[in-house]
Amino acid sequence: MQEILKNQIDKIVPLTDAEFQVVLSYFSIGKYKKHQYILQQGNSVPYVHFVVKGLLRSFYLDKSGKSHILQFAMEDWWITDNQGFYNEQNATLNIDCLEDAQTYYISLENRTKLCSELLPKIEFFFLQKMTAGSIALQNRVLSLMSKNSEERYTQFIQLYPNLIQRLSKTLVASYLGISRETLSRLSP
């Protein structure tokens, strides 16, 4: 389990085993069941999670109760409500488990200590991950604004070939902003 996190970090900033043990000491392990919420709208956002096992989703429930999926997170991905976590505000998003899941999670306080006091190069790692996440979100928004449903579906399959097998058509349709019927016409 530790190797997954170490490999994630080593892709950006190689760490010695001793450095990695310091990093690991700032994280905790979370184990969650399918359908369990790890974050709900209106609650504090204490952690950012690195997914070791399982599949999670972040979504927003609007006033009419409609669910809007912002992100899926499978193994080797990070997930949180960034606005709530970094601004220490209540969550605007929900995060739940689509499969049994295991994560490494870290608080903002521990992340700040880790970055500033112990290993400044880990701050570069987190900056790179945040930048990549921001770019992915920008691309997702632009896709929703500029591509038709078929183009969005094709792009989703190309970007996430392993993810499509793990999701129901209802969840994929919701993520793409299309009806399940439209998705059925597009998918084999």
N, C-alpha and C. Protein backbone atom coordinates (compact mmCIF):
# COMPACT_ATOMS: atom_id res chain seq x y z
N MET A 1 0.82 -1.19 0.00
CA MET A 1 0.00 0.00 0.00
C MET A 1 0.87 1.26 0.00
N GLN A 2 1.92 1.25 0.80
CA GLN A 2 2.81 2.41 0.87
C GLN A 2 3.48 2.67 -0.47
N GLU A 3 3.76 1.60 -1.21
CA GLU A 3 4.46 1.74 -2.49
C GLU A 3 3.67 2.57 -3.48
N ILE A 4 2.35 2.49 -3.44
CA ILE A 4 1.53 3.27 -4.37
C ILE A 4 1.75 4.76 -4.13
N LEU A 5 1.74 5.17 -2.87
CA LEU A 5 1.98 6.59 -2.55
C LEU A 5 3.42 6.97 -2.88
N LYS A 6 4.36 6.13 -2.53
CA LYS A 6 5.77 6.45 -2.82
C LYS A 6 6.00 6.60 -4.32
N ASN A 7 5.44 5.68 -5.11
CA ASN A 7 5.59 5.78 -6.57
C ASN A 7 4.96 7.06 -7.10
N GLN A 8 3.81 7.46 -6.56
CA GLN A 8 3.15 8.70 -6.97
C GLN A 8 4.07 9.90 -6.74
N ILE A 9 4.68 9.96 -5.57
CA ILE A 9 5.56 11.08 -5.23
C ILE A 9 6.85 11.02 -6.05
N ASP A 10 7.42 9.81 -6.16
CA ASP A 10 8.70 9.65 -6.87
C ASP A 10 8.63 10.06 -8.34
N LYS A 11 7.46 10.02 -8.94
CA LYS A 11 7.32 10.45 -10.34
C LYS A 11 7.65 11.93 -10.49
N ILE A 12 7.47 12.69 -9.42
CA ILE A 12 7.67 14.14 -9.48
C ILE A 12 8.92 14.56 -8.70
N VAL A 13 9.06 14.06 -7.48
CA VAL A 13 10.21 14.38 -6.64
C VAL A 13 10.70 13.11 -5.95
N PRO A 14 11.75 12.50 -6.49
CA PRO A 14 12.26 11.28 -5.86
C PRO A 14 12.65 11.52 -4.40
N LEU A 15 12.24 10.59 -3.54
CA LEU A 15 12.54 10.67 -2.11
C LEU A 15 13.37 9.47 -1.70
N THR A 16 14.24 9.69 -0.75
CA THR A 16 14.93 8.55 -0.14
C THR A 16 13.91 7.79 0.70
N ASP A 17 14.24 6.59 1.08
CA ASP A 17 13.34 5.82 1.95
C ASP A 17 13.09 6.54 3.26
N ALA A 18 14.14 7.16 3.80
CA ALA A 18 14.00 7.89 5.07
C ALA A 18 13.08 9.10 4.89
N GLU A 19 13.24 9.83 3.79
CA GLU A 19 12.36 10.98 3.53
C GLU A 19 10.92 10.53 3.37
N PHE A 20 10.73 9.42 2.66
CA PHE A 20 9.37 8.93 2.48
C PHE A 20 8.75 8.52 3.81
N GLN A 21 9.50 7.94 4.70
CA GLN A 21 8.96 7.57 6.02
C GLN A 21 8.52 8.81 6.80
N VAL A 22 9.24 9.91 6.64
CA VAL A 22 8.82 11.17 7.26
C VAL A 22 7.50 11.62 6.65
N VAL A 23 7.42 11.60 5.33
CA VAL A 23 6.18 11.99 4.65
C VAL A 23 5.03 11.11 5.12
N LEU A 24 5.24 9.83 5.13
CA LEU A 24 4.20 8.87 5.51
C LEU A 24 3.71 9.11 6.93
N SER A 25 4.59 9.56 7.81
CA SER A 25 4.20 9.78 9.21
C SER A 25 3.16 10.89 9.36
N TYR A 26 3.00 11.72 8.34
CA TYR A 26 2.02 12.81 8.39
C TYR A 26 0.64 12.39 7.85
N PHE A 27 0.57 11.22 7.25
CA PHE A 27 -0.67 10.72 6.69
C PHE A 27 -1.32 9.71 7.64
N SER A 28 -2.61 9.55 7.49
CA SER A 28 -3.37 8.50 8.18
C SER A 28 -4.02 7.63 7.13
N ILE A 29 -4.47 6.45 7.54
CA ILE A 29 -5.12 5.51 6.63
C ILE A 29 -6.61 5.52 6.89
N GLY A 30 -7.38 5.62 5.82
CA GLY A 30 -8.84 5.55 5.93
C GLY A 30 -9.36 4.33 5.17
N LYS A 31 -10.32 3.64 5.76
CA LYS A 31 -10.97 2.50 5.12
C LYS A 31 -12.46 2.79 5.09
N TYR A 32 -13.06 2.66 3.91
CA TYR A 32 -14.45 3.05 3.71
C TYR A 32 -15.20 1.97 2.94
N LYS A 33 -16.48 1.88 3.22
CA LYS A 33 -17.35 0.92 2.55
C LYS A 33 -18.05 1.57 1.36
N LYS A 34 -18.44 0.74 0.41
CA LYS A 34 -19.21 1.21 -0.73
C LYS A 34 -20.43 1.97 -0.22
N HIS A 35 -20.74 3.09 -0.84
CA HIS A 35 -21.85 4.00 -0.52
C HIS A 35 -21.58 4.89 0.69
N GLN A 36 -20.44 4.72 1.37
CA GLN A 36 -20.13 5.55 2.52
C GLN A 36 -19.67 6.93 2.06
N TYR A 37 -20.16 7.96 2.74
CA TYR A 37 -19.71 9.33 2.48
C TYR A 37 -18.44 9.57 3.29
N ILE A 38 -17.45 10.19 2.64
CA ILE A 38 -16.29 10.64 3.40
C ILE A 38 -16.31 12.17 3.55
N LEU A 39 -17.25 12.80 2.85
CA LEU A 39 -17.44 14.24 2.98
C LEU A 39 -18.86 14.58 2.55
N GLN A 40 -19.51 15.48 3.30
CA GLN A 40 -20.85 15.92 2.93
C GLN A 40 -20.92 17.44 2.92
N GLN A 41 -21.72 17.96 2.00
CA GLN A 41 -21.92 19.40 1.88
C GLN A 41 -22.28 19.97 3.24
N GLY A 42 -21.70 21.13 3.55
CA GLY A 42 -22.00 21.82 4.79
C GLY A 42 -21.11 21.44 5.96
N ASN A 43 -20.38 20.34 5.83
CA ASN A 43 -19.48 19.93 6.90
C ASN A 43 -18.07 20.47 6.64
N SER A 44 -17.23 20.44 7.67
CA SER A 44 -15.85 20.86 7.48
C SER A 44 -15.13 19.88 6.56
N VAL A 45 -14.04 20.34 5.98
CA VAL A 45 -13.26 19.53 5.04
C VAL A 45 -11.89 19.29 5.67
N PRO A 46 -11.78 18.26 6.49
CA PRO A 46 -10.54 18.09 7.26
C PRO A 46 -9.36 17.51 6.49
N TYR A 47 -9.62 16.84 5.35
CA TYR A 47 -8.55 16.08 4.71
C TYR A 47 -8.58 16.16 3.19
N VAL A 48 -7.41 15.91 2.61
CA VAL A 48 -7.29 15.58 1.20
C VAL A 48 -6.91 14.10 1.18
N HIS A 49 -7.50 13.35 0.26
CA HIS A 49 -7.34 11.90 0.21
C HIS A 49 -6.58 11.47 -1.03
N PHE A 50 -5.68 10.52 -0.84
CA PHE A 50 -5.00 9.83 -1.94
C PHE A 50 -5.57 8.42 -1.98
N VAL A 51 -6.16 8.05 -3.11
CA VAL A 51 -6.86 6.77 -3.22
C VAL A 51 -5.85 5.66 -3.48
N VAL A 52 -5.83 4.69 -2.59
CA VAL A 52 -4.97 3.52 -2.73
C VAL A 52 -5.76 2.37 -3.34
N LYS A 53 -7.02 2.28 -2.98
CA LYS A 53 -7.88 1.20 -3.47
C LYS A 53 -9.30 1.74 -3.54
N GLY A 54 -10.01 1.36 -4.61
CA GLY A 54 -11.41 1.73 -4.71
C GLY A 54 -11.68 2.86 -5.67
N LEU A 55 -12.92 3.32 -5.65
CA LEU A 55 -13.39 4.35 -6.56
C LEU A 55 -14.31 5.30 -5.80
N LEU A 56 -14.02 6.59 -5.90
CA LEU A 56 -14.80 7.63 -5.22
C LEU A 56 -15.31 8.62 -6.25
N ARG A 57 -16.28 9.39 -5.85
CA ARG A 57 -16.75 10.48 -6.70
C ARG A 57 -17.03 11.70 -5.86
N SER A 58 -16.80 12.87 -6.43
CA SER A 58 -17.21 14.12 -5.80
C SER A 58 -18.36 14.68 -6.62
N PHE A 59 -19.36 15.19 -5.91
CA PHE A 59 -20.53 15.71 -6.61
C PHE A 59 -21.20 16.79 -5.78
N TYR A 60 -21.98 17.58 -6.50
CA TYR A 60 -22.73 18.68 -5.90
C TYR A 60 -24.20 18.37 -6.04
N LEU A 61 -24.94 18.56 -4.96
CA LEU A 61 -26.40 18.43 -5.02
C LEU A 61 -27.00 19.83 -5.09
N ASP A 62 -27.72 20.12 -6.17
CA ASP A 62 -28.31 21.45 -6.28
C ASP A 62 -29.59 21.54 -5.44
N LYS A 63 -30.23 22.69 -5.44
CA LYS A 63 -31.40 22.92 -4.59
C LYS A 63 -32.57 22.01 -4.93
N SER A 64 -32.63 21.56 -6.18
CA SER A 64 -33.71 20.66 -6.58
C SER A 64 -33.38 19.19 -6.30
N GLY A 65 -32.18 18.94 -5.77
CA GLY A 65 -31.77 17.57 -5.45
C GLY A 65 -31.07 16.84 -6.58
N LYS A 66 -30.79 17.55 -7.67
CA LYS A 66 -30.09 16.93 -8.79
C LYS A 66 -28.60 16.85 -8.49
N SER A 67 -28.01 15.71 -8.82
CA SER A 67 -26.59 15.46 -8.58
C SER A 67 -25.77 15.86 -9.80
N HIS A 68 -24.69 16.60 -9.56
CA HIS A 68 -23.77 17.02 -10.62
C HIS A 68 -22.38 16.49 -10.25
N ILE A 69 -21.88 15.51 -11.01
CA ILE A 69 -20.59 14.90 -10.71
C ILE A 69 -19.47 15.77 -11.22
N LEU A 70 -18.54 16.10 -10.33
CA LEU A 70 -17.37 16.89 -10.71
C LEU A 70 -16.18 16.00 -11.04
N GLN A 71 -16.02 14.93 -10.29
CA GLN A 71 -14.80 14.15 -10.42
C GLN A 71 -15.04 12.72 -9.95
N PHE A 72 -14.32 11.82 -10.57
CA PHE A 72 -14.15 10.46 -10.05
C PHE A 72 -12.71 10.36 -9.60
N ALA A 73 -12.44 9.49 -8.66
CA ALA A 73 -11.06 9.26 -8.21
C ALA A 73 -10.88 7.77 -7.96
N MET A 74 -9.98 7.19 -8.73
CA MET A 74 -9.65 5.78 -8.54
C MET A 74 -8.21 5.70 -8.02
N GLU A 75 -7.68 4.51 -7.98
CA GLU A 75 -6.34 4.31 -7.44
C GLU A 75 -5.34 5.27 -8.09
N ASP A 76 -4.49 5.84 -7.22
CA ASP A 76 -3.41 6.74 -7.64
C ASP A 76 -3.90 8.16 -7.94
N TRP A 77 -5.13 8.50 -7.53
CA TRP A 77 -5.68 9.84 -7.73
C TRP A 77 -5.94 10.49 -6.37
N TRP A 78 -6.01 11.81 -6.37
CA TRP A 78 -6.28 12.61 -5.18
C TRP A 78 -7.69 13.17 -5.26
N ILE A 79 -8.32 13.38 -4.09
CA ILE A 79 -9.67 13.95 -4.08
C ILE A 79 -9.93 14.68 -2.77
N THR A 80 -10.60 15.81 -2.87
CA THR A 80 -11.10 16.58 -1.74
C THR A 80 -12.02 17.67 -2.29
N ASP A 81 -12.57 18.47 -1.44
CA ASP A 81 -13.25 19.71 -1.82
C ASP A 81 -12.18 20.78 -1.63
N ASN A 82 -11.52 21.18 -2.73
CA ASN A 82 -10.37 22.08 -2.62
C ASN A 82 -10.72 23.41 -1.95
N GLN A 83 -11.85 23.98 -2.30
CA GLN A 83 -12.23 25.26 -1.72
C GLN A 83 -12.39 25.14 -0.22
N GLY A 84 -13.09 24.13 0.22
CA GLY A 84 -13.30 23.93 1.65
C GLY A 84 -12.01 23.59 2.38
N PHE A 85 -11.20 22.72 1.78
CA PHE A 85 -9.95 22.28 2.41
C PHE A 85 -8.96 23.43 2.56
N TYR A 86 -8.63 24.09 1.47
CA TYR A 86 -7.58 25.10 1.50
C TYR A 86 -8.04 26.42 2.12
N ASN A 87 -9.33 26.73 2.04
CA ASN A 87 -9.83 27.97 2.65
C ASN A 87 -10.43 27.73 4.03
N GLU A 88 -10.37 26.49 4.48
CA GLU A 88 -10.92 26.10 5.79
C GLU A 88 -12.38 26.56 5.93
N GLN A 89 -13.15 26.20 4.91
CA GLN A 89 -14.58 26.50 4.88
C GLN A 89 -15.35 25.19 4.84
N ASN A 90 -16.66 25.29 5.03
CA ASN A 90 -17.49 24.09 4.92
C ASN A 90 -17.56 23.64 3.47
N ALA A 91 -17.79 22.36 3.31
CA ALA A 91 -17.80 21.74 1.99
C ALA A 91 -18.98 22.21 1.16
N THR A 92 -18.72 22.40 -0.13
CA THR A 92 -19.80 22.62 -1.09
C THR A 92 -20.05 21.35 -1.88
N LEU A 93 -19.17 20.37 -1.71
CA LEU A 93 -19.26 19.10 -2.43
C LEU A 93 -19.49 17.94 -1.47
N ASN A 94 -19.93 16.84 -2.03
CA ASN A 94 -20.01 15.55 -1.34
C ASN A 94 -18.97 14.64 -1.97
N ILE A 95 -18.42 13.74 -1.18
CA ILE A 95 -17.57 12.69 -1.71
C ILE A 95 -18.07 11.38 -1.12
N ASP A 96 -18.37 10.43 -2.00
CA ASP A 96 -18.78 9.12 -1.52
C ASP A 96 -18.03 8.03 -2.26
N CYS A 97 -18.17 6.82 -1.74
CA CYS A 97 -17.43 5.67 -2.28
C CYS A 97 -18.34 4.87 -3.20
N LEU A 98 -17.90 4.67 -4.42
CA LEU A 98 -18.62 3.85 -5.39
C LEU A 98 -18.21 2.38 -5.25
N GLU A 99 -17.10 2.15 -4.58
CA GLU A 99 -16.60 0.82 -4.25
C GLU A 99 -15.99 0.91 -2.85
N ASP A 100 -15.77 -0.22 -2.22
CA ASP A 100 -14.99 -0.19 -0.98
C ASP A 100 -13.68 0.52 -1.30
N ALA A 101 -13.21 1.33 -0.37
CA ALA A 101 -12.04 2.16 -0.67
C ALA A 101 -11.09 2.23 0.52
N GLN A 102 -9.84 2.51 0.17
CA GLN A 102 -8.80 2.75 1.14
C GLN A 102 -8.02 3.97 0.67
N THR A 103 -7.75 4.89 1.59
CA THR A 103 -7.02 6.11 1.23
C THR A 103 -5.93 6.40 2.25
N TYR A 104 -4.96 7.16 1.81
CA TYR A 104 -4.09 7.88 2.72
C TYR A 104 -4.66 9.29 2.76
N TYR A 105 -4.82 9.85 3.94
CA TYR A 105 -5.33 11.21 4.01
C TYR A 105 -4.45 12.06 4.92
N ILE A 106 -4.48 13.37 4.63
CA ILE A 106 -3.64 14.31 5.38
C ILE A 106 -4.45 15.56 5.65
N SER A 107 -4.28 16.12 6.84
CA SER A 107 -4.95 17.36 7.22
C SER A 107 -4.17 18.54 6.64
N LEU A 108 -4.80 19.69 6.59
CA LEU A 108 -4.13 20.90 6.12
C LEU A 108 -2.98 21.26 7.05
N GLU A 109 -3.19 21.11 8.35
CA GLU A 109 -2.13 21.40 9.31
C GLU A 109 -0.91 20.51 9.07
N ASN A 110 -1.14 19.22 8.90
CA ASN A 110 -0.02 18.30 8.65
C ASN A 110 0.63 18.55 7.30
N ARG A 111 -0.17 18.89 6.31
CA ARG A 111 0.38 19.19 4.98
C ARG A 111 1.27 20.42 5.06
N THR A 112 0.80 21.44 5.76
CA THR A 112 1.57 22.68 5.91
C THR A 112 2.88 22.41 6.66
N LYS A 113 2.81 21.65 7.75
CA LYS A 113 4.03 21.30 8.49
C LYS A 113 5.00 20.53 7.61
N LEU A 114 4.48 19.55 6.91
CA LEU A 114 5.31 18.72 6.04
C LEU A 114 6.01 19.56 4.99
N CYS A 115 5.27 20.47 4.38
CA CYS A 115 5.84 21.30 3.30
C CYS A 115 6.82 22.34 3.81
N SER A 116 6.52 22.98 4.91
CA SER A 116 7.35 24.10 5.34
C SER A 116 8.46 23.73 6.30
N GLU A 117 8.21 22.76 7.16
CA GLU A 117 9.19 22.49 8.20
C GLU A 117 10.15 21.35 7.85
N LEU A 118 9.66 20.35 7.14
CA LEU A 118 10.48 19.16 6.97
C LEU A 118 11.06 19.00 5.58
N LEU A 119 10.20 18.91 4.59
CA LEU A 119 10.67 18.60 3.24
C LEU A 119 10.12 19.60 2.24
N PRO A 120 10.80 20.71 2.06
CA PRO A 120 10.29 21.69 1.11
C PRO A 120 10.04 21.12 -0.29
N LYS A 121 10.79 20.09 -0.69
CA LYS A 121 10.55 19.56 -2.02
C LYS A 121 9.18 18.87 -2.13
N ILE A 122 8.58 18.47 -1.03
CA ILE A 122 7.24 17.88 -1.09
C ILE A 122 6.21 18.96 -1.45
N GLU A 123 6.53 20.21 -1.11
CA GLU A 123 5.66 21.32 -1.52
C GLU A 123 5.61 21.40 -3.04
N PHE A 124 6.73 21.17 -3.69
CA PHE A 124 6.76 21.16 -5.15
C PHE A 124 5.88 20.04 -5.68
N PHE A 125 5.92 18.88 -5.04
CA PHE A 125 5.06 17.77 -5.44
C PHE A 125 3.58 18.18 -5.37
N PHE A 126 3.17 18.74 -4.23
CA PHE A 126 1.76 19.14 -4.09
C PHE A 126 1.39 20.24 -5.08
N LEU A 127 2.30 21.15 -5.35
CA LEU A 127 2.05 22.19 -6.35
C LEU A 127 1.82 21.57 -7.73
N GLN A 128 2.64 20.60 -8.09
CA GLN A 128 2.47 19.93 -9.39
C GLN A 128 1.14 19.20 -9.47
N LYS A 129 0.74 18.54 -8.39
CA LYS A 129 -0.54 17.82 -8.38
C LYS A 129 -1.71 18.80 -8.47
N MET A 130 -1.62 19.92 -7.76
CA MET A 130 -2.69 20.93 -7.82
C MET A 130 -2.77 21.54 -9.21
N THR A 131 -1.63 21.80 -9.82
CA THR A 131 -1.61 22.36 -11.17
C THR A 131 -2.24 21.38 -12.15
N ALA A 132 -1.87 20.12 -12.07
CA ALA A 132 -2.44 19.10 -12.96
C ALA A 132 -3.95 18.99 -12.75
N GLY A 133 -4.39 19.04 -11.50
CA GLY A 133 -5.83 18.99 -11.21
C GLY A 133 -6.57 20.19 -11.76
N SER A 134 -5.96 21.35 -11.64
CA SER A 134 -6.57 22.57 -12.16
C SER A 134 -6.68 22.53 -13.69
N ILE A 135 -5.66 22.03 -14.34
CA ILE A 135 -5.69 21.90 -15.80
C ILE A 135 -6.77 20.90 -16.21
N ALA A 136 -6.85 19.77 -15.51
CA ALA A 136 -7.88 18.77 -15.83
C ALA A 136 -9.28 19.35 -15.66
N LEU A 137 -9.48 20.12 -14.59
CA LEU A 137 -10.80 20.74 -14.38
C LEU A 137 -11.11 21.77 -15.47
N GLN A 138 -10.12 22.55 -15.85
CA GLN A 138 -10.33 23.52 -16.94
C GLN A 138 -10.71 22.80 -18.22
N ASN A 139 -10.00 21.72 -18.53
CA ASN A 139 -10.32 20.95 -19.74
C ASN A 139 -11.72 20.35 -19.67
N ARG A 140 -12.12 19.91 -18.48
CA ARG A 140 -13.47 19.35 -18.32
C ARG A 140 -14.53 20.42 -18.57
N VAL A 141 -14.35 21.60 -18.00
CA VAL A 141 -15.31 22.70 -18.21
C VAL A 141 -15.37 23.09 -19.68
N LEU A 142 -14.21 23.22 -20.31
CA LEU A 142 -14.19 23.57 -21.74
C LEU A 142 -14.86 22.49 -22.58
N SER A 143 -14.68 21.24 -22.22
CA SER A 143 -15.32 20.14 -22.94
C SER A 143 -16.84 20.24 -22.82
N LEU A 144 -17.32 20.53 -21.61
CA LEU A 144 -18.77 20.66 -21.40
C LEU A 144 -19.33 21.84 -22.20
N MET A 145 -18.53 22.88 -22.36
CA MET A 145 -19.00 24.08 -23.06
C MET A 145 -18.90 23.96 -24.57
N SER A 146 -17.93 23.18 -25.07
CA SER A 146 -17.65 23.25 -26.51
C SER A 146 -17.88 21.96 -27.28
N LYS A 147 -18.06 20.84 -26.61
CA LYS A 147 -18.20 19.57 -27.31
C LYS A 147 -19.63 19.05 -27.19
N ASN A 148 -20.06 18.35 -28.23
CA ASN A 148 -21.37 17.72 -28.16
C ASN A 148 -21.26 16.43 -27.35
N SER A 149 -22.38 15.79 -27.10
CA SER A 149 -22.40 14.61 -26.23
C SER A 149 -21.53 13.47 -26.77
N GLU A 150 -21.53 13.27 -28.07
CA GLU A 150 -20.72 12.20 -28.64
C GLU A 150 -19.22 12.48 -28.46
N GLU A 151 -18.83 13.73 -28.68
CA GLU A 151 -17.43 14.11 -28.50
C GLU A 151 -17.00 13.97 -27.04
N ARG A 152 -17.88 14.36 -26.11
CA ARG A 152 -17.55 14.23 -24.69
C ARG A 152 -17.41 12.77 -24.30
N TYR A 153 -18.28 11.91 -24.82
CA TYR A 153 -18.20 10.48 -24.52
C TYR A 153 -16.91 9.88 -25.08
N THR A 154 -16.58 10.20 -26.31
CA THR A 154 -15.35 9.70 -26.93
C THR A 154 -14.13 10.17 -26.14
N GLN A 155 -14.13 11.42 -25.75
CA GLN A 155 -13.01 11.96 -24.96
C GLN A 155 -12.90 11.23 -23.62
N PHE A 156 -14.01 10.98 -22.97
CA PHE A 156 -14.02 10.28 -21.68
C PHE A 156 -13.41 8.89 -21.81
N ILE A 157 -13.80 8.17 -22.85
CA ILE A 157 -13.27 6.82 -23.08
C ILE A 157 -11.77 6.86 -23.34
N GLN A 158 -11.33 7.86 -24.11
CA GLN A 158 -9.90 7.98 -24.41
C GLN A 158 -9.09 8.35 -23.18
N LEU A 159 -9.61 9.26 -22.37
CA LEU A 159 -8.88 9.71 -21.19
C LEU A 159 -8.88 8.67 -20.07
N TYR A 160 -9.98 7.94 -19.93
CA TYR A 160 -10.15 7.05 -18.77
C TYR A 160 -10.62 5.66 -19.19
N PRO A 161 -9.84 4.95 -19.99
CA PRO A 161 -10.29 3.64 -20.47
C PRO A 161 -10.53 2.62 -19.35
N ASN A 162 -9.77 2.71 -18.26
CA ASN A 162 -9.97 1.78 -17.15
C ASN A 162 -11.16 2.15 -16.27
N LEU A 163 -11.50 3.40 -16.28
CA LEU A 163 -12.59 3.88 -15.43
C LEU A 163 -13.97 3.52 -15.99
N ILE A 164 -14.11 3.57 -17.29
CA ILE A 164 -15.41 3.33 -17.93
C ILE A 164 -15.96 1.96 -17.56
N GLN A 165 -15.09 0.97 -17.36
CA GLN A 165 -15.52 -0.38 -17.03
C GLN A 165 -16.08 -0.48 -15.61
N ARG A 166 -15.74 0.48 -14.76
CA ARG A 166 -16.11 0.41 -13.35
C ARG A 166 -17.33 1.24 -13.00
N LEU A 167 -17.86 1.97 -13.97
CA LEU A 167 -18.97 2.89 -13.71
C LEU A 167 -20.24 2.43 -14.39
N SER A 168 -21.37 2.71 -13.74
CA SER A 168 -22.66 2.45 -14.39
C SER A 168 -22.89 3.49 -15.47
N LYS A 169 -23.74 3.16 -16.40
CA LYS A 169 -24.07 4.13 -17.47
C LYS A 169 -24.72 5.38 -16.88
N THR A 170 -25.47 5.21 -15.81
CA THR A 170 -26.11 6.36 -15.16
C THR A 170 -25.06 7.34 -14.66
N LEU A 171 -24.00 6.83 -14.02
CA LEU A 171 -22.94 7.71 -13.51
C LEU A 171 -22.15 8.37 -14.64
N VAL A 172 -21.85 7.60 -15.68
CA VAL A 172 -21.13 8.17 -16.82
C VAL A 172 -21.97 9.27 -17.47
N ALA A 173 -23.25 9.02 -17.65
CA ALA A 173 -24.14 10.02 -18.26
C ALA A 173 -24.18 11.29 -17.40
N SER A 174 -24.30 11.12 -16.10
CA SER A 174 -24.32 12.27 -15.20
C SER A 174 -23.03 13.08 -15.31
N TYR A 175 -21.90 12.40 -15.32
CA TYR A 175 -20.61 13.08 -15.44
C TYR A 175 -20.51 13.85 -16.75
N LEU A 176 -21.02 13.26 -17.83
CA LEU A 176 -20.93 13.89 -19.15
C LEU A 176 -22.00 14.96 -19.37
N GLY A 177 -22.97 15.04 -18.46
CA GLY A 177 -24.03 16.03 -18.60
C GLY A 177 -25.03 15.67 -19.67
N ILE A 178 -25.28 14.35 -19.84
CA ILE A 178 -26.24 13.88 -20.84
C ILE A 178 -27.20 12.90 -20.18
N SER A 179 -28.27 12.59 -20.87
CA SER A 179 -29.23 11.62 -20.33
C SER A 179 -28.69 10.21 -20.52
N ARG A 180 -29.20 9.29 -19.73
CA ARG A 180 -28.80 7.89 -19.85
C ARG A 180 -29.20 7.35 -21.22
N GLU A 181 -30.32 7.79 -21.74
CA GLU A 181 -30.80 7.36 -23.05
C GLU A 181 -29.84 7.80 -24.15
N THR A 182 -29.36 9.03 -24.05
CA THR A 182 -28.38 9.52 -25.03
C THR A 182 -27.11 8.69 -24.96
N LEU A 183 -26.66 8.40 -23.74
CA LEU A 183 -25.46 7.59 -23.58
C LEU A 183 -25.66 6.21 -24.18
N SER A 184 -26.83 5.62 -24.00
CA SER A 184 -27.10 4.29 -24.55
C SER A 184 -27.00 4.28 -26.07
N ARG A 185 -27.41 5.39 -26.70
CA ARG A 185 -27.29 5.49 -28.15
C ARG A 185 -25.83 5.61 -28.58
N LEU A 186 -25.00 6.21 -27.73
CA LEU A 186 -23.61 6.45 -28.09
C LEU A 186 -22.70 5.27 -27.80
N SER A 187 -23.02 4.49 -26.77
CA SER A 187 -22.12 3.42 -26.33
C SER A 187 -22.51 2.09 -26.97
N PRO A 188 -21.52 1.22 -27.14
CA PRO A 188 -21.77 -0.09 -27.75
C PRO A 188 -22.57 -1.00 -26.83
